[in-house]
Amino acid sequence: MIIHEPIHHQVEWIKQNASPPHRSAFLEGWLKHAHVELEQLHHDFSGFRGHTLIDAALDMDWKSYHQRLHALDVAQRCKAVREELNAVESLTERTLTGKALVFAAFGVMDGYARFEWGDHCVYLGLDENFRNESAMRVLISHELTHVARESRPETWSNWGLPFKMDHDTMVERLPTLEHLF
């Protein structure tokens, strides 16, 4: 699995903006370092609860968020992703494929494993205000176990679904019950 960490650049960019930037500057600064992957996420969640991620960021208590980011240990959070990846691979005896994207999600989302055409992109919004590191690590492991399980064609055939399907089809046809285990 390839891990991209735009959170480093995004947090530094956010720290430079004591007040919320204009929407166009926001798109340029936030998307700058992981453009393709974050555009897909932005698309998937457009209209979710009437907002995009950028709308949510512009509507939030920017001052409080901005202050919290100054105390955030981004390097430690990224290290935790690598450690949990190693732990999941060791436990499942599988080398995970796809991408993981560690980014600043304005505390709006913490994790999302996106499956499409047999491949994954795991989104980890690790600027989230986790109660403790253990809670964050559980989330990371949860999202990575989606990759361990869903990267196996037999998982999908057991549900009567094709391994190679677009994301929208997967979301429409995947049994809700599967997410409870």
N, C-alpha and C. Protein backbone atom coordinates (compact mmCIF):
# COMPACT_ATOMS: atom_id res chain seq x y z
N MET A 1 0.85 -1.17 0.00
CA MET A 1 0.00 0.00 0.00
C MET A 1 0.90 1.24 0.00
N ILE A 2 0.53 2.16 -0.84
CA ILE A 2 1.25 3.43 -0.91
C ILE A 2 0.54 4.42 0.00
N ILE A 3 1.30 5.06 0.88
CA ILE A 3 0.72 6.04 1.81
C ILE A 3 1.13 7.44 1.36
N HIS A 4 0.14 8.28 1.10
CA HIS A 4 0.37 9.69 0.78
C HIS A 4 -0.01 10.49 2.02
N GLU A 5 0.78 11.49 2.34
CA GLU A 5 0.56 12.27 3.56
C GLU A 5 0.46 13.77 3.28
N PRO A 6 -0.54 14.18 2.53
CA PRO A 6 -0.69 15.63 2.30
C PRO A 6 -1.02 16.40 3.56
N ILE A 7 -1.36 15.70 4.64
CA ILE A 7 -1.70 16.38 5.89
C ILE A 7 -0.57 17.30 6.35
N HIS A 8 0.68 16.94 6.10
CA HIS A 8 1.80 17.79 6.51
C HIS A 8 1.67 19.18 5.89
N HIS A 9 1.50 19.21 4.57
CA HIS A 9 1.40 20.48 3.85
C HIS A 9 0.08 21.19 4.16
N GLN A 10 -0.99 20.42 4.28
CA GLN A 10 -2.29 21.02 4.53
C GLN A 10 -2.33 21.70 5.90
N VAL A 11 -1.80 21.03 6.91
CA VAL A 11 -1.80 21.63 8.25
C VAL A 11 -0.95 22.90 8.27
N GLU A 12 0.19 22.87 7.61
CA GLU A 12 1.02 24.08 7.54
C GLU A 12 0.28 25.20 6.82
N TRP A 13 -0.44 24.86 5.75
CA TRP A 13 -1.21 25.86 5.01
C TRP A 13 -2.32 26.43 5.89
N ILE A 14 -3.02 25.55 6.62
CA ILE A 14 -4.10 26.00 7.49
C ILE A 14 -3.55 26.90 8.59
N LYS A 15 -2.41 26.55 9.15
CA LYS A 15 -1.81 27.37 10.21
C LYS A 15 -1.50 28.78 9.73
N GLN A 16 -1.26 28.95 8.45
CA GLN A 16 -0.97 30.28 7.88
C GLN A 16 -2.22 31.12 7.70
N ASN A 17 -3.38 30.52 7.91
CA ASN A 17 -4.66 31.21 7.70
C ASN A 17 -5.41 31.32 9.02
N ALA A 18 -5.19 32.40 9.73
CA ALA A 18 -5.84 32.59 11.03
C ALA A 18 -7.36 32.71 10.89
N SER A 19 -7.82 33.11 9.72
CA SER A 19 -9.25 33.15 9.44
C SER A 19 -9.51 32.32 8.19
N PRO A 20 -10.74 31.85 8.01
CA PRO A 20 -11.02 30.99 6.85
C PRO A 20 -10.70 31.71 5.54
N PRO A 21 -9.97 31.05 4.65
CA PRO A 21 -9.67 31.67 3.36
C PRO A 21 -10.89 31.65 2.44
N HIS A 22 -10.84 32.45 1.41
CA HIS A 22 -11.88 32.47 0.39
C HIS A 22 -11.94 31.10 -0.27
N ARG A 23 -13.11 30.71 -0.77
CA ARG A 23 -13.32 29.39 -1.37
C ARG A 23 -12.27 29.05 -2.44
N SER A 24 -11.96 29.97 -3.34
CA SER A 24 -10.99 29.66 -4.41
C SER A 24 -9.61 29.42 -3.83
N ALA A 25 -9.20 30.19 -2.84
CA ALA A 25 -7.90 29.98 -2.19
C ALA A 25 -7.91 28.66 -1.43
N PHE A 26 -9.06 28.33 -0.88
CA PHE A 26 -9.22 27.08 -0.14
C PHE A 26 -8.98 25.88 -1.05
N LEU A 27 -9.63 25.89 -2.19
CA LEU A 27 -9.46 24.79 -3.14
C LEU A 27 -8.00 24.67 -3.58
N GLU A 28 -7.40 25.78 -3.85
CA GLU A 28 -6.01 25.77 -4.31
C GLU A 28 -5.07 25.27 -3.20
N GLY A 29 -5.23 25.74 -2.00
CA GLY A 29 -4.33 25.38 -0.91
C GLY A 29 -4.57 23.98 -0.37
N TRP A 30 -5.81 23.62 -0.19
CA TRP A 30 -6.15 22.32 0.40
C TRP A 30 -5.91 21.18 -0.58
N LEU A 31 -6.29 21.36 -1.84
CA LEU A 31 -6.15 20.29 -2.83
C LEU A 31 -4.76 20.19 -3.45
N LYS A 32 -3.93 21.17 -3.19
CA LYS A 32 -2.66 21.30 -3.89
C LYS A 32 -1.80 20.03 -3.89
N HIS A 33 -1.72 19.33 -2.78
CA HIS A 33 -0.75 18.24 -2.66
C HIS A 33 -1.33 16.84 -2.89
N ALA A 34 -2.61 16.72 -3.05
CA ALA A 34 -3.22 15.40 -3.30
C ALA A 34 -4.45 15.59 -4.18
N HIS A 35 -4.28 16.31 -5.24
CA HIS A 35 -5.38 16.80 -6.05
C HIS A 35 -6.36 15.70 -6.48
N VAL A 36 -5.89 14.66 -7.11
CA VAL A 36 -6.79 13.65 -7.69
C VAL A 36 -7.57 12.92 -6.60
N GLU A 37 -6.88 12.43 -5.59
CA GLU A 37 -7.55 11.67 -4.55
C GLU A 37 -8.56 12.52 -3.76
N LEU A 38 -8.19 13.74 -3.45
CA LEU A 38 -9.11 14.59 -2.68
C LEU A 38 -10.27 15.08 -3.53
N GLU A 39 -10.06 15.25 -4.82
CA GLU A 39 -11.19 15.61 -5.68
C GLU A 39 -12.23 14.50 -5.69
N GLN A 40 -11.77 13.24 -5.71
CA GLN A 40 -12.70 12.11 -5.69
C GLN A 40 -13.50 12.09 -4.38
N LEU A 41 -12.82 12.29 -3.28
CA LEU A 41 -13.49 12.34 -1.99
C LEU A 41 -14.49 13.49 -1.95
N HIS A 42 -14.06 14.64 -2.42
CA HIS A 42 -14.93 15.82 -2.46
C HIS A 42 -16.18 15.51 -3.27
N HIS A 43 -16.01 14.82 -4.39
CA HIS A 43 -17.15 14.43 -5.23
C HIS A 43 -18.07 13.46 -4.49
N ASP A 44 -17.50 12.43 -3.86
CA ASP A 44 -18.31 11.42 -3.17
C ASP A 44 -19.19 12.03 -2.09
N PHE A 45 -18.69 13.05 -1.42
CA PHE A 45 -19.42 13.62 -0.30
C PHE A 45 -20.11 14.94 -0.63
N SER A 46 -20.09 15.34 -1.87
CA SER A 46 -20.80 16.56 -2.26
C SER A 46 -22.29 16.37 -1.99
N GLY A 47 -22.86 17.30 -1.29
CA GLY A 47 -24.28 17.22 -0.97
C GLY A 47 -24.58 16.41 0.28
N PHE A 48 -23.56 15.77 0.86
CA PHE A 48 -23.77 15.00 2.09
C PHE A 48 -24.14 15.97 3.20
N ARG A 49 -25.32 15.78 3.76
CA ARG A 49 -25.85 16.69 4.78
C ARG A 49 -25.85 18.14 4.28
N GLY A 50 -26.01 18.30 2.97
CA GLY A 50 -26.10 19.63 2.39
C GLY A 50 -24.78 20.35 2.27
N HIS A 51 -23.68 19.64 2.45
CA HIS A 51 -22.37 20.28 2.44
C HIS A 51 -21.37 19.51 1.60
N THR A 52 -20.33 20.20 1.21
CA THR A 52 -19.10 19.56 0.77
C THR A 52 -18.15 19.69 1.95
N LEU A 53 -17.01 19.02 1.89
CA LEU A 53 -16.02 19.17 2.97
C LEU A 53 -15.59 20.63 3.10
N ILE A 54 -15.46 21.30 1.98
CA ILE A 54 -15.04 22.70 2.04
C ILE A 54 -16.12 23.57 2.66
N ASP A 55 -17.39 23.32 2.35
CA ASP A 55 -18.48 24.06 2.99
C ASP A 55 -18.42 23.87 4.50
N ALA A 56 -18.21 22.62 4.92
CA ALA A 56 -18.15 22.33 6.35
C ALA A 56 -16.99 23.07 7.00
N ALA A 57 -15.85 23.11 6.32
CA ALA A 57 -14.69 23.82 6.88
C ALA A 57 -14.96 25.32 6.98
N LEU A 58 -15.61 25.88 5.98
CA LEU A 58 -15.89 27.31 6.00
C LEU A 58 -16.95 27.68 7.04
N ASP A 59 -17.81 26.70 7.39
CA ASP A 59 -18.87 26.94 8.37
C ASP A 59 -18.45 26.64 9.81
N MET A 60 -17.29 26.05 9.99
CA MET A 60 -16.90 25.60 11.33
C MET A 60 -16.31 26.74 12.17
N ASP A 61 -16.05 26.44 13.42
CA ASP A 61 -15.37 27.39 14.30
C ASP A 61 -13.88 27.36 13.93
N TRP A 62 -13.53 28.15 12.93
CA TRP A 62 -12.19 28.14 12.37
C TRP A 62 -11.14 28.47 13.42
N LYS A 63 -11.42 29.42 14.28
CA LYS A 63 -10.43 29.84 15.28
C LYS A 63 -10.06 28.68 16.21
N SER A 64 -11.06 27.96 16.69
CA SER A 64 -10.82 26.82 17.57
C SER A 64 -10.05 25.72 16.84
N TYR A 65 -10.48 25.41 15.62
CA TYR A 65 -9.81 24.40 14.82
C TYR A 65 -8.35 24.80 14.56
N HIS A 66 -8.16 26.02 14.17
CA HIS A 66 -6.84 26.56 13.87
C HIS A 66 -5.92 26.42 15.10
N GLN A 67 -6.42 26.77 16.27
CA GLN A 67 -5.63 26.65 17.50
C GLN A 67 -5.28 25.20 17.80
N ARG A 68 -6.24 24.30 17.60
CA ARG A 68 -6.01 22.89 17.88
C ARG A 68 -4.92 22.31 16.97
N LEU A 69 -4.89 22.77 15.73
CA LEU A 69 -3.89 22.26 14.80
C LEU A 69 -2.47 22.62 15.21
N HIS A 70 -2.31 23.72 15.92
CA HIS A 70 -0.97 24.10 16.37
C HIS A 70 -0.40 23.09 17.36
N ALA A 71 -1.26 22.35 18.05
CA ALA A 71 -0.81 21.34 19.00
C ALA A 71 -0.76 19.93 18.39
N LEU A 72 -1.22 19.79 17.17
CA LEU A 72 -1.32 18.47 16.54
C LEU A 72 0.07 17.95 16.14
N ASP A 73 0.37 16.73 16.54
CA ASP A 73 1.62 16.08 16.17
C ASP A 73 1.36 15.26 14.91
N VAL A 74 1.49 15.91 13.76
CA VAL A 74 1.19 15.29 12.48
C VAL A 74 2.12 14.10 12.22
N ALA A 75 3.39 14.25 12.53
CA ALA A 75 4.35 13.17 12.30
C ALA A 75 3.96 11.92 13.08
N GLN A 76 3.52 12.08 14.31
CA GLN A 76 3.12 10.93 15.13
C GLN A 76 1.88 10.26 14.55
N ARG A 77 0.95 11.03 14.05
CA ARG A 77 -0.27 10.45 13.46
C ARG A 77 0.07 9.68 12.18
N CYS A 78 0.97 10.20 11.39
CA CYS A 78 1.37 9.49 10.17
C CYS A 78 2.15 8.23 10.52
N LYS A 79 2.95 8.30 11.55
CA LYS A 79 3.69 7.12 12.01
C LYS A 79 2.70 6.03 12.46
N ALA A 80 1.63 6.43 13.11
CA ALA A 80 0.62 5.47 13.56
C ALA A 80 -0.01 4.75 12.37
N VAL A 81 -0.21 5.45 11.25
CA VAL A 81 -0.77 4.81 10.05
C VAL A 81 0.18 3.71 9.57
N ARG A 82 1.46 4.01 9.49
CA ARG A 82 2.43 3.01 9.04
C ARG A 82 2.48 1.82 10.00
N GLU A 83 2.42 2.10 11.29
CA GLU A 83 2.44 1.01 12.28
C GLU A 83 1.19 0.14 12.19
N GLU A 84 0.04 0.75 12.03
CA GLU A 84 -1.19 -0.03 11.91
C GLU A 84 -1.24 -0.80 10.60
N LEU A 85 -0.70 -0.23 9.53
CA LEU A 85 -0.61 -0.96 8.27
C LEU A 85 0.23 -2.22 8.46
N ASN A 86 1.38 -2.08 9.10
CA ASN A 86 2.22 -3.24 9.36
C ASN A 86 1.50 -4.27 10.22
N ALA A 87 0.76 -3.81 11.23
CA ALA A 87 0.04 -4.73 12.12
C ALA A 87 -1.07 -5.48 11.37
N VAL A 88 -1.83 -4.78 10.54
CA VAL A 88 -2.91 -5.42 9.78
C VAL A 88 -2.31 -6.41 8.78
N GLU A 89 -1.23 -6.03 8.10
CA GLU A 89 -0.59 -6.95 7.16
C GLU A 89 -0.06 -8.18 7.88
N SER A 90 0.51 -8.00 9.03
CA SER A 90 1.03 -9.13 9.81
C SER A 90 -0.11 -10.05 10.26
N LEU A 91 -1.18 -9.46 10.78
CA LEU A 91 -2.31 -10.24 11.27
C LEU A 91 -2.99 -11.02 10.15
N THR A 92 -3.17 -10.39 9.01
CA THR A 92 -3.90 -11.02 7.90
C THR A 92 -2.99 -11.81 6.96
N GLU A 93 -1.68 -11.67 7.17
CA GLU A 93 -0.69 -12.33 6.31
C GLU A 93 -0.90 -11.97 4.85
N ARG A 94 -1.23 -10.70 4.62
CA ARG A 94 -1.45 -10.18 3.27
C ARG A 94 -0.75 -8.83 3.15
N THR A 95 -0.19 -8.59 1.98
CA THR A 95 0.35 -7.27 1.67
C THR A 95 -0.80 -6.46 1.09
N LEU A 96 -1.14 -5.38 1.75
CA LEU A 96 -2.27 -4.57 1.28
C LEU A 96 -1.86 -3.75 0.06
N THR A 97 -2.81 -3.60 -0.84
CA THR A 97 -2.58 -2.83 -2.06
C THR A 97 -3.44 -1.58 -2.03
N GLY A 98 -3.23 -0.73 -3.01
CA GLY A 98 -4.00 0.51 -3.09
C GLY A 98 -3.24 1.66 -2.48
N LYS A 99 -4.00 2.68 -2.07
CA LYS A 99 -3.41 3.89 -1.50
C LYS A 99 -4.10 4.22 -0.19
N ALA A 100 -3.35 4.87 0.66
CA ALA A 100 -3.92 5.50 1.85
C ALA A 100 -3.57 6.97 1.77
N LEU A 101 -4.53 7.80 2.07
CA LEU A 101 -4.34 9.25 2.01
C LEU A 101 -4.60 9.82 3.40
N VAL A 102 -3.56 10.36 4.03
CA VAL A 102 -3.67 10.96 5.35
C VAL A 102 -3.76 12.47 5.13
N PHE A 103 -4.91 13.04 5.49
CA PHE A 103 -5.15 14.43 5.12
C PHE A 103 -5.90 15.17 6.22
N ALA A 104 -5.99 16.47 6.05
CA ALA A 104 -6.74 17.33 6.97
C ALA A 104 -8.18 17.41 6.48
N ALA A 105 -9.10 16.89 7.28
CA ALA A 105 -10.52 16.83 6.90
C ALA A 105 -11.36 17.78 7.75
N PHE A 106 -10.73 18.70 8.44
CA PHE A 106 -11.41 19.74 9.21
C PHE A 106 -12.27 19.16 10.32
N GLY A 107 -11.91 17.97 10.79
CA GLY A 107 -12.67 17.33 11.86
C GLY A 107 -14.04 16.85 11.42
N VAL A 108 -14.30 16.85 10.10
CA VAL A 108 -15.60 16.47 9.58
C VAL A 108 -15.70 14.96 9.35
N MET A 109 -14.61 14.34 8.94
CA MET A 109 -14.61 12.89 8.73
C MET A 109 -13.30 12.32 9.26
N ASP A 110 -13.39 11.08 9.72
CA ASP A 110 -12.17 10.46 10.23
C ASP A 110 -11.65 9.38 9.30
N GLY A 111 -12.52 8.54 8.75
CA GLY A 111 -12.02 7.49 7.88
C GLY A 111 -13.05 7.03 6.86
N TYR A 112 -12.54 6.59 5.71
CA TYR A 112 -13.39 6.16 4.61
C TYR A 112 -12.54 5.28 3.69
N ALA A 113 -12.97 4.05 3.48
CA ALA A 113 -12.28 3.16 2.55
C ALA A 113 -13.11 3.10 1.27
N ARG A 114 -12.55 3.60 0.20
CA ARG A 114 -13.27 3.69 -1.08
C ARG A 114 -12.79 2.59 -2.03
N PHE A 115 -13.69 1.71 -2.38
CA PHE A 115 -13.40 0.58 -3.27
C PHE A 115 -13.99 0.85 -4.64
N GLU A 116 -13.17 0.64 -5.68
CA GLU A 116 -13.68 0.80 -7.05
C GLU A 116 -12.79 0.00 -7.99
N TRP A 117 -13.42 -0.80 -8.83
CA TRP A 117 -12.74 -1.61 -9.85
C TRP A 117 -11.63 -2.46 -9.25
N GLY A 118 -11.87 -3.01 -8.06
CA GLY A 118 -10.91 -3.92 -7.44
C GLY A 118 -9.77 -3.23 -6.71
N ASP A 119 -9.84 -1.92 -6.53
CA ASP A 119 -8.75 -1.18 -5.90
C ASP A 119 -9.32 -0.30 -4.78
N HIS A 120 -8.46 0.04 -3.84
CA HIS A 120 -8.88 0.86 -2.70
C HIS A 120 -8.09 2.16 -2.60
N CYS A 121 -8.76 3.14 -2.07
CA CYS A 121 -8.10 4.34 -1.54
C CYS A 121 -8.71 4.56 -0.16
N VAL A 122 -7.86 4.51 0.86
CA VAL A 122 -8.30 4.72 2.23
C VAL A 122 -8.02 6.17 2.59
N TYR A 123 -9.07 6.88 2.97
CA TYR A 123 -8.95 8.28 3.37
C TYR A 123 -8.96 8.36 4.89
N LEU A 124 -7.95 8.99 5.45
CA LEU A 124 -7.85 9.12 6.91
C LEU A 124 -7.72 10.59 7.27
N GLY A 125 -8.80 11.15 7.80
CA GLY A 125 -8.81 12.54 8.23
C GLY A 125 -8.25 12.63 9.64
N LEU A 126 -6.93 12.62 9.74
CA LEU A 126 -6.31 12.49 11.06
C LEU A 126 -6.07 13.81 11.78
N ASP A 127 -6.76 14.85 11.34
CA ASP A 127 -6.80 16.08 12.13
C ASP A 127 -7.99 16.03 13.08
N GLU A 128 -8.71 14.92 13.05
CA GLU A 128 -9.86 14.69 13.93
C GLU A 128 -9.42 14.84 15.39
N ASN A 129 -10.33 15.29 16.23
CA ASN A 129 -10.04 15.47 17.65
C ASN A 129 -10.33 14.16 18.39
N PHE A 130 -9.45 13.17 18.19
CA PHE A 130 -9.63 11.87 18.84
C PHE A 130 -9.46 12.01 20.34
N ARG A 131 -10.26 11.24 21.08
CA ARG A 131 -10.18 11.27 22.54
C ARG A 131 -8.80 10.83 23.02
N ASN A 132 -8.25 9.83 22.33
CA ASN A 132 -6.91 9.35 22.66
C ASN A 132 -6.34 8.63 21.45
N GLU A 133 -5.06 8.29 21.53
CA GLU A 133 -4.41 7.64 20.40
C GLU A 133 -4.99 6.27 20.10
N SER A 134 -5.43 5.56 21.13
CA SER A 134 -6.02 4.22 20.91
C SER A 134 -7.25 4.31 20.01
N ALA A 135 -8.09 5.30 20.23
CA ALA A 135 -9.29 5.47 19.40
C ALA A 135 -8.89 5.72 17.95
N MET A 136 -7.87 6.51 17.75
CA MET A 136 -7.40 6.80 16.39
C MET A 136 -6.86 5.53 15.74
N ARG A 137 -6.12 4.73 16.48
CA ARG A 137 -5.54 3.50 15.93
C ARG A 137 -6.63 2.47 15.59
N VAL A 138 -7.69 2.42 16.38
CA VAL A 138 -8.80 1.52 16.06
C VAL A 138 -9.42 1.93 14.72
N LEU A 139 -9.62 3.21 14.54
CA LEU A 139 -10.17 3.71 13.27
C LEU A 139 -9.26 3.34 12.10
N ILE A 140 -7.98 3.58 12.23
CA ILE A 140 -7.03 3.28 11.16
C ILE A 140 -7.09 1.80 10.81
N SER A 141 -7.04 0.95 11.83
CA SER A 141 -7.09 -0.50 11.59
C SER A 141 -8.40 -0.91 10.93
N HIS A 142 -9.49 -0.31 11.38
CA HIS A 142 -10.80 -0.63 10.79
C HIS A 142 -10.78 -0.36 9.29
N GLU A 143 -10.33 0.82 8.90
CA GLU A 143 -10.32 1.17 7.47
C GLU A 143 -9.38 0.26 6.69
N LEU A 144 -8.24 -0.08 7.26
CA LEU A 144 -7.29 -0.95 6.57
C LEU A 144 -7.80 -2.38 6.44
N THR A 145 -8.61 -2.83 7.39
CA THR A 145 -9.15 -4.19 7.27
C THR A 145 -10.18 -4.28 6.14
N HIS A 146 -10.79 -3.16 5.77
CA HIS A 146 -11.63 -3.16 4.56
C HIS A 146 -10.78 -3.58 3.37
N VAL A 147 -9.58 -3.05 3.28
CA VAL A 147 -8.70 -3.38 2.16
C VAL A 147 -8.31 -4.86 2.21
N ALA A 148 -7.96 -5.35 3.39
CA ALA A 148 -7.56 -6.76 3.53
C ALA A 148 -8.68 -7.69 3.06
N ARG A 149 -9.90 -7.36 3.42
CA ARG A 149 -11.02 -8.22 3.07
C ARG A 149 -11.51 -7.98 1.64
N GLU A 150 -11.69 -6.73 1.26
CA GLU A 150 -12.34 -6.41 -0.01
C GLU A 150 -11.41 -6.52 -1.22
N SER A 151 -10.12 -6.71 -0.98
CA SER A 151 -9.20 -6.89 -2.11
C SER A 151 -9.17 -8.36 -2.56
N ARG A 152 -9.99 -9.18 -1.94
CA ARG A 152 -10.09 -10.60 -2.29
C ARG A 152 -11.34 -10.83 -3.13
N PRO A 153 -11.19 -11.29 -4.37
CA PRO A 153 -12.36 -11.50 -5.23
C PRO A 153 -13.41 -12.42 -4.60
N GLU A 154 -12.98 -13.41 -3.82
CA GLU A 154 -13.94 -14.34 -3.22
C GLU A 154 -14.88 -13.65 -2.22
N THR A 155 -14.44 -12.56 -1.62
CA THR A 155 -15.33 -11.80 -0.73
C THR A 155 -16.55 -11.34 -1.50
N TRP A 156 -16.33 -10.79 -2.69
CA TRP A 156 -17.42 -10.26 -3.50
C TRP A 156 -18.27 -11.37 -4.09
N SER A 157 -17.63 -12.46 -4.54
CA SER A 157 -18.41 -13.55 -5.13
C SER A 157 -19.31 -14.19 -4.08
N ASN A 158 -18.88 -14.21 -2.82
CA ASN A 158 -19.73 -14.74 -1.75
C ASN A 158 -20.99 -13.90 -1.54
N TRP A 159 -20.94 -12.63 -1.92
CA TRP A 159 -22.12 -11.76 -1.84
C TRP A 159 -22.85 -11.70 -3.18
N GLY A 160 -22.37 -12.46 -4.15
CA GLY A 160 -22.99 -12.46 -5.47
C GLY A 160 -22.68 -11.19 -6.26
N LEU A 161 -21.56 -10.56 -5.95
CA LEU A 161 -21.17 -9.31 -6.61
C LEU A 161 -19.86 -9.50 -7.37
N PRO A 162 -19.67 -8.76 -8.45
CA PRO A 162 -18.41 -8.85 -9.19
C PRO A 162 -17.29 -8.12 -8.45
N PHE A 163 -16.09 -8.61 -8.60
CA PHE A 163 -14.91 -7.96 -8.00
C PHE A 163 -14.63 -6.62 -8.67
N LYS A 164 -14.79 -6.59 -9.97
CA LYS A 164 -14.53 -5.36 -10.73
C LYS A 164 -15.85 -4.64 -10.95
N MET A 165 -16.14 -3.66 -10.09
CA MET A 165 -17.37 -2.87 -10.23
C MET A 165 -17.06 -1.43 -9.85
N ASP A 166 -17.87 -0.52 -10.35
CA ASP A 166 -17.64 0.87 -10.00
C ASP A 166 -18.11 1.13 -8.57
N HIS A 167 -17.67 2.22 -8.03
CA HIS A 167 -17.95 2.55 -6.64
C HIS A 167 -19.44 2.68 -6.35
N ASP A 168 -20.16 3.35 -7.23
CA ASP A 168 -21.60 3.55 -7.00
C ASP A 168 -22.35 2.22 -6.96
N THR A 169 -21.98 1.28 -7.83
CA THR A 169 -22.60 -0.04 -7.80
C THR A 169 -22.30 -0.74 -6.49
N MET A 170 -21.06 -0.66 -6.04
CA MET A 170 -20.68 -1.28 -4.78
C MET A 170 -21.51 -0.72 -3.63
N VAL A 171 -21.64 0.58 -3.57
CA VAL A 171 -22.40 1.21 -2.48
C VAL A 171 -23.87 0.80 -2.53
N GLU A 172 -24.45 0.74 -3.72
CA GLU A 172 -25.86 0.37 -3.86
C GLU A 172 -26.14 -1.08 -3.50
N ARG A 173 -25.20 -1.98 -3.79
CA ARG A 173 -25.48 -3.41 -3.69
C ARG A 173 -24.85 -4.10 -2.50
N LEU A 174 -23.91 -3.48 -1.83
CA LEU A 174 -23.24 -4.11 -0.69
C LEU A 174 -24.21 -4.24 0.48
N PRO A 175 -24.31 -5.43 1.06
CA PRO A 175 -25.22 -5.59 2.20
C PRO A 175 -24.75 -4.75 3.40
N THR A 176 -25.65 -4.01 4.01
CA THR A 176 -25.31 -3.19 5.17
C THR A 176 -24.75 -4.05 6.29
N LEU A 177 -25.27 -5.23 6.45
CA LEU A 177 -24.84 -6.12 7.51
C LEU A 177 -23.34 -6.36 7.49
N GLU A 178 -22.70 -6.35 6.31
CA GLU A 178 -21.29 -6.64 6.24
C GLU A 178 -20.45 -5.67 7.05
N HIS A 179 -20.90 -4.49 7.22
CA HIS A 179 -20.10 -3.49 7.92
C HIS A 179 -20.15 -3.66 9.44
N LEU A 180 -21.01 -4.49 9.92
CA LEU A 180 -21.15 -4.70 11.36
C LEU A 180 -20.13 -5.68 11.91
N PHE A 181 -19.43 -6.36 11.05
CA PHE A 181 -18.46 -7.38 11.49
C PHE A 181 -17.04 -6.96 11.22
